[in-house]
Amino acid sequence: MRTMRVLVGKISDLPEGSQKSVRVGRQSVLVVNHQDQFYALRNVCTHESVPLEGGRVEDGQITCEAHGARFELATGKATKMPAVKAVRLYKAVVDGEDLYVEEL
């Protein structure tokens, strides 16, 4: 089975603190640059299926703007109610100056 790899863009186009969503197959995936580390997770809150894009990122977590649910960027684990289910993770891959997302 072949791993799906999608180009996000140049790493210079996603500076510290920024977010960008891309399509991986039929899914929207959110790529976040937090403390110069790239994270990729499904762009949907597991509480009410609203996009996570635009949510506040701090302390390695992203907060859903709709109801305040919070998820760890590194693990996808839900850390604050009302969400209890983890969000799906993807792999962010730096290859030279390019940033890609791969399915795990």
N, C-alpha and C. Protein backbone atom coordinates (compact mmCIF):
# COMPACT_ATOMS: atom_id res chain seq x y z
N MET A 1 0.84 -1.19 0.00
CA MET A 1 0.00 0.00 0.00
C MET A 1 0.89 1.25 0.00
N ARG A 2 0.57 2.18 -0.86
CA ARG A 2 1.36 3.39 -1.00
C ARG A 2 0.84 4.48 -0.07
N THR A 3 1.77 5.18 0.58
CA THR A 3 1.40 6.28 1.46
C THR A 3 1.09 7.52 0.63
N MET A 4 -0.02 8.17 0.93
CA MET A 4 -0.38 9.40 0.23
C MET A 4 0.44 10.55 0.80
N ARG A 5 1.11 11.30 -0.07
CA ARG A 5 1.92 12.45 0.33
C ARG A 5 1.43 13.67 -0.44
N VAL A 6 1.15 14.74 0.30
CA VAL A 6 0.62 15.96 -0.30
C VAL A 6 1.54 17.13 0.04
N LEU A 7 1.89 17.91 -0.97
CA LEU A 7 2.72 19.09 -0.76
C LEU A 7 1.91 20.20 -0.10
N VAL A 8 2.42 20.70 1.03
CA VAL A 8 1.80 21.83 1.72
C VAL A 8 2.33 23.12 1.12
N GLY A 9 3.65 23.15 0.87
CA GLY A 9 4.30 24.34 0.31
C GLY A 9 5.72 24.43 0.81
N LYS A 10 6.32 25.58 0.64
CA LYS A 10 7.67 25.84 1.14
C LYS A 10 7.59 26.07 2.65
N ILE A 11 8.59 25.57 3.39
CA ILE A 11 8.57 25.77 4.84
C ILE A 11 8.61 27.26 5.18
N SER A 12 9.23 28.05 4.32
CA SER A 12 9.30 29.50 4.56
C SER A 12 7.92 30.17 4.44
N ASP A 13 6.97 29.48 3.79
CA ASP A 13 5.62 30.02 3.64
C ASP A 13 4.73 29.72 4.85
N LEU A 14 5.25 28.97 5.81
CA LEU A 14 4.48 28.64 7.01
C LEU A 14 5.32 29.01 8.24
N PRO A 15 5.43 30.31 8.53
CA PRO A 15 6.27 30.76 9.65
C PRO A 15 5.69 30.37 11.00
N GLU A 16 6.51 30.51 12.02
CA GLU A 16 6.10 30.22 13.41
C GLU A 16 4.75 30.85 13.69
N GLY A 17 3.86 30.05 14.28
CA GLY A 17 2.54 30.54 14.68
C GLY A 17 1.47 30.47 13.60
N SER A 18 1.84 30.04 12.40
CA SER A 18 0.86 30.02 11.31
C SER A 18 0.19 28.66 11.16
N GLN A 19 -0.91 28.66 10.42
CA GLN A 19 -1.69 27.46 10.14
C GLN A 19 -2.07 27.45 8.66
N LYS A 20 -2.21 26.25 8.11
CA LYS A 20 -2.65 26.12 6.72
C LYS A 20 -3.38 24.80 6.58
N SER A 21 -4.51 24.82 5.89
CA SER A 21 -5.23 23.57 5.64
C SER A 21 -4.97 23.09 4.22
N VAL A 22 -4.87 21.77 4.07
CA VAL A 22 -4.67 21.13 2.77
C VAL A 22 -5.60 19.92 2.69
N ARG A 23 -5.83 19.44 1.48
CA ARG A 23 -6.64 18.23 1.29
C ARG A 23 -5.71 17.03 1.18
N VAL A 24 -5.99 16.01 1.95
CA VAL A 24 -5.31 14.72 1.85
C VAL A 24 -6.41 13.71 1.54
N GLY A 25 -6.48 13.31 0.30
CA GLY A 25 -7.61 12.50 -0.13
C GLY A 25 -8.87 13.32 0.00
N ARG A 26 -9.83 12.82 0.76
CA ARG A 26 -11.09 13.54 0.95
C ARG A 26 -11.12 14.33 2.26
N GLN A 27 -10.02 14.31 3.00
CA GLN A 27 -9.99 14.96 4.32
C GLN A 27 -9.27 16.31 4.28
N SER A 28 -9.77 17.23 5.08
CA SER A 28 -9.07 18.50 5.31
C SER A 28 -8.11 18.28 6.47
N VAL A 29 -6.85 18.62 6.24
CA VAL A 29 -5.81 18.44 7.26
C VAL A 29 -5.23 19.82 7.58
N LEU A 30 -5.11 20.10 8.88
CA LEU A 30 -4.56 21.36 9.34
C LEU A 30 -3.09 21.17 9.69
N VAL A 31 -2.24 22.01 9.10
CA VAL A 31 -0.81 22.00 9.40
C VAL A 31 -0.51 23.24 10.23
N VAL A 32 0.17 23.03 11.36
CA VAL A 32 0.46 24.10 12.31
C VAL A 32 1.96 24.17 12.55
N ASN A 33 2.51 25.37 12.53
CA ASN A 33 3.90 25.58 12.92
C ASN A 33 3.86 26.17 14.32
N HIS A 34 4.22 25.36 15.31
CA HIS A 34 4.22 25.79 16.72
C HIS A 34 5.61 25.56 17.28
N GLN A 35 6.24 26.63 17.71
CA GLN A 35 7.60 26.59 18.25
C GLN A 35 8.55 25.92 17.27
N ASP A 36 8.42 26.31 16.00
CA ASP A 36 9.26 25.80 14.90
C ASP A 36 9.20 24.29 14.73
N GLN A 37 8.09 23.70 15.12
CA GLN A 37 7.82 22.28 14.90
C GLN A 37 6.53 22.22 14.09
N PHE A 38 6.50 21.36 13.07
CA PHE A 38 5.30 21.22 12.25
C PHE A 38 4.44 20.06 12.74
N TYR A 39 3.15 20.31 12.85
CA TYR A 39 2.18 19.30 13.27
C TYR A 39 1.08 19.24 12.20
N ALA A 40 0.50 18.07 12.03
CA ALA A 40 -0.59 17.91 11.06
C ALA A 40 -1.69 17.07 11.70
N LEU A 41 -2.91 17.57 11.67
CA LEU A 41 -4.04 16.86 12.26
C LEU A 41 -5.28 17.12 11.44
N ARG A 42 -6.23 16.20 11.56
CA ARG A 42 -7.48 16.37 10.82
C ARG A 42 -8.12 17.68 11.26
N ASN A 43 -8.56 18.44 10.30
CA ASN A 43 -9.08 19.78 10.55
C ASN A 43 -10.55 19.73 10.95
N VAL A 44 -10.82 18.98 12.02
CA VAL A 44 -12.20 18.89 12.50
C VAL A 44 -12.20 18.57 14.00
N CYS A 45 -12.98 19.33 14.74
CA CYS A 45 -13.15 19.08 16.16
C CYS A 45 -14.01 17.83 16.32
N THR A 46 -13.60 16.93 17.18
CA THR A 46 -14.35 15.69 17.37
C THR A 46 -15.62 15.89 18.19
N HIS A 47 -15.83 17.07 18.73
CA HIS A 47 -17.04 17.34 19.50
C HIS A 47 -18.22 17.65 18.58
N GLU A 48 -18.05 18.60 17.66
CA GLU A 48 -19.18 19.04 16.82
C GLU A 48 -18.84 19.11 15.34
N SER A 49 -17.72 18.53 14.94
CA SER A 49 -17.33 18.48 13.52
C SER A 49 -17.18 19.86 12.87
N VAL A 50 -16.66 20.83 13.62
CA VAL A 50 -16.36 22.14 13.05
C VAL A 50 -14.85 22.22 12.82
N PRO A 51 -14.39 23.04 11.87
CA PRO A 51 -12.95 23.14 11.60
C PRO A 51 -12.16 23.66 12.80
N LEU A 52 -10.96 23.12 12.97
CA LEU A 52 -10.05 23.61 14.01
C LEU A 52 -9.23 24.80 13.51
N GLU A 53 -9.16 24.96 12.20
CA GLU A 53 -8.36 26.05 11.63
C GLU A 53 -8.77 27.39 12.22
N GLY A 54 -7.77 28.17 12.62
CA GLY A 54 -8.01 29.47 13.22
C GLY A 54 -8.06 29.43 14.73
N GLY A 55 -8.07 28.21 15.30
CA GLY A 55 -8.08 28.08 16.75
C GLY A 55 -6.78 28.55 17.37
N ARG A 56 -6.86 29.01 18.61
CA ARG A 56 -5.68 29.49 19.33
C ARG A 56 -4.75 28.32 19.63
N VAL A 57 -3.46 28.52 19.39
CA VAL A 57 -2.45 27.50 19.67
C VAL A 57 -1.54 28.03 20.76
N GLU A 58 -1.45 27.27 21.85
CA GLU A 58 -0.52 27.61 22.93
C GLU A 58 -0.25 26.36 23.75
N ASP A 59 0.94 26.32 24.33
CA ASP A 59 1.35 25.19 25.17
C ASP A 59 1.18 23.85 24.46
N GLY A 60 1.44 23.81 23.15
CA GLY A 60 1.37 22.56 22.41
C GLY A 60 -0.03 22.05 22.17
N GLN A 61 -1.03 22.93 22.31
CA GLN A 61 -2.42 22.52 22.12
C GLN A 61 -3.15 23.53 21.23
N ILE A 62 -4.19 23.04 20.55
CA ILE A 62 -5.05 23.91 19.76
C ILE A 62 -6.45 23.89 20.36
N THR A 63 -7.06 25.07 20.44
CA THR A 63 -8.39 25.20 21.01
C THR A 63 -9.41 25.45 19.91
N CYS A 64 -10.47 24.67 19.90
CA CYS A 64 -11.56 24.86 18.95
C CYS A 64 -12.29 26.15 19.30
N GLU A 65 -12.47 27.00 18.30
CA GLU A 65 -13.12 28.29 18.53
C GLU A 65 -14.61 28.16 18.84
N ALA A 66 -15.23 27.07 18.41
CA ALA A 66 -16.68 26.93 18.57
C ALA A 66 -17.11 26.72 20.03
N HIS A 67 -16.48 25.76 20.72
CA HIS A 67 -16.93 25.44 22.08
C HIS A 67 -15.80 25.30 23.09
N GLY A 68 -14.55 25.59 22.68
CA GLY A 68 -13.44 25.58 23.63
C GLY A 68 -12.78 24.24 23.85
N ALA A 69 -13.14 23.22 23.09
CA ALA A 69 -12.46 21.93 23.22
C ALA A 69 -10.99 22.12 22.87
N ARG A 70 -10.12 21.32 23.49
CA ARG A 70 -8.68 21.48 23.27
C ARG A 70 -8.06 20.13 22.94
N PHE A 71 -7.04 20.17 22.05
CA PHE A 71 -6.36 18.95 21.59
C PHE A 71 -4.86 19.16 21.59
N GLU A 72 -4.11 18.11 22.00
CA GLU A 72 -2.65 18.15 21.93
C GLU A 72 -2.22 18.03 20.48
N LEU A 73 -1.31 18.89 20.04
CA LEU A 73 -0.83 18.84 18.67
C LEU A 73 -0.03 17.58 18.40
N ALA A 74 0.76 17.13 19.37
CA ALA A 74 1.66 15.99 19.16
C ALA A 74 0.96 14.64 19.19
N THR A 75 -0.15 14.54 19.93
CA THR A 75 -0.81 13.24 20.10
C THR A 75 -2.24 13.21 19.58
N GLY A 76 -2.86 14.37 19.41
CA GLY A 76 -4.26 14.45 19.01
C GLY A 76 -5.23 14.28 20.17
N LYS A 77 -4.70 13.98 21.35
CA LYS A 77 -5.54 13.70 22.52
C LYS A 77 -6.40 14.91 22.89
N ALA A 78 -7.68 14.64 23.18
CA ALA A 78 -8.58 15.67 23.67
C ALA A 78 -8.23 15.95 25.13
N THR A 79 -7.97 17.22 25.45
CA THR A 79 -7.53 17.56 26.81
C THR A 79 -8.51 18.46 27.54
N LYS A 80 -9.56 18.92 26.85
CA LYS A 80 -10.55 19.76 27.51
C LYS A 80 -11.92 19.47 26.92
N MET A 81 -12.89 19.32 27.79
CA MET A 81 -14.27 19.12 27.39
C MET A 81 -14.73 20.33 26.58
N PRO A 82 -15.68 20.19 25.71
CA PRO A 82 -16.59 19.07 25.61
C PRO A 82 -16.08 17.90 24.76
N ALA A 83 -14.92 18.02 24.13
CA ALA A 83 -14.41 16.89 23.33
C ALA A 83 -13.82 15.82 24.24
N VAL A 84 -14.06 14.56 23.90
CA VAL A 84 -13.48 13.45 24.65
C VAL A 84 -12.70 12.51 23.74
N LYS A 85 -12.94 12.60 22.44
CA LYS A 85 -12.28 11.73 21.46
C LYS A 85 -11.11 12.47 20.81
N ALA A 86 -10.00 11.76 20.62
CA ALA A 86 -8.82 12.35 19.98
C ALA A 86 -9.10 12.70 18.53
N VAL A 87 -8.34 13.66 18.02
CA VAL A 87 -8.41 14.02 16.61
C VAL A 87 -7.32 13.23 15.88
N ARG A 88 -7.60 12.83 14.65
CA ARG A 88 -6.66 12.02 13.87
C ARG A 88 -5.42 12.82 13.50
N LEU A 89 -4.26 12.20 13.63
CA LEU A 89 -2.99 12.83 13.28
C LEU A 89 -2.51 12.39 11.91
N TYR A 90 -1.71 13.24 11.31
CA TYR A 90 -1.00 12.97 10.07
C TYR A 90 0.46 13.29 10.33
N LYS A 91 1.33 12.91 9.42
CA LYS A 91 2.76 13.14 9.59
C LYS A 91 3.17 14.35 8.75
N ALA A 92 3.80 15.34 9.40
CA ALA A 92 4.37 16.48 8.69
C ALA A 92 5.82 16.14 8.37
N VAL A 93 6.20 16.25 7.10
CA VAL A 93 7.53 15.84 6.64
C VAL A 93 8.21 17.01 5.94
N VAL A 94 9.40 17.37 6.43
CA VAL A 94 10.22 18.39 5.76
C VAL A 94 11.20 17.66 4.86
N ASP A 95 11.20 18.05 3.58
CA ASP A 95 12.10 17.46 2.59
C ASP A 95 12.77 18.63 1.87
N GLY A 96 13.99 18.96 2.28
CA GLY A 96 14.66 20.14 1.74
C GLY A 96 13.94 21.38 2.21
N GLU A 97 13.45 22.18 1.27
CA GLU A 97 12.71 23.41 1.60
C GLU A 97 11.20 23.20 1.54
N ASP A 98 10.78 21.97 1.22
CA ASP A 98 9.36 21.68 1.06
C ASP A 98 8.78 20.99 2.28
N LEU A 99 7.50 21.26 2.52
CA LEU A 99 6.76 20.64 3.62
C LEU A 99 5.65 19.80 3.02
N TYR A 100 5.56 18.55 3.48
CA TYR A 100 4.54 17.61 3.00
C TYR A 100 3.74 17.09 4.19
N VAL A 101 2.56 16.56 3.88
CA VAL A 101 1.76 15.83 4.86
C VAL A 101 1.56 14.43 4.32
N GLU A 102 1.73 13.44 5.21
CA GLU A 102 1.51 12.03 4.86
C GLU A 102 0.52 11.43 5.83
N GLU A 103 -0.24 10.45 5.34
CA GLU A 103 -1.11 9.68 6.23
C GLU A 103 -0.25 8.81 7.12
N LEU A 104 -0.67 8.62 8.36
CA LEU A 104 0.04 7.72 9.28
C LEU A 104 -0.48 6.32 9.12
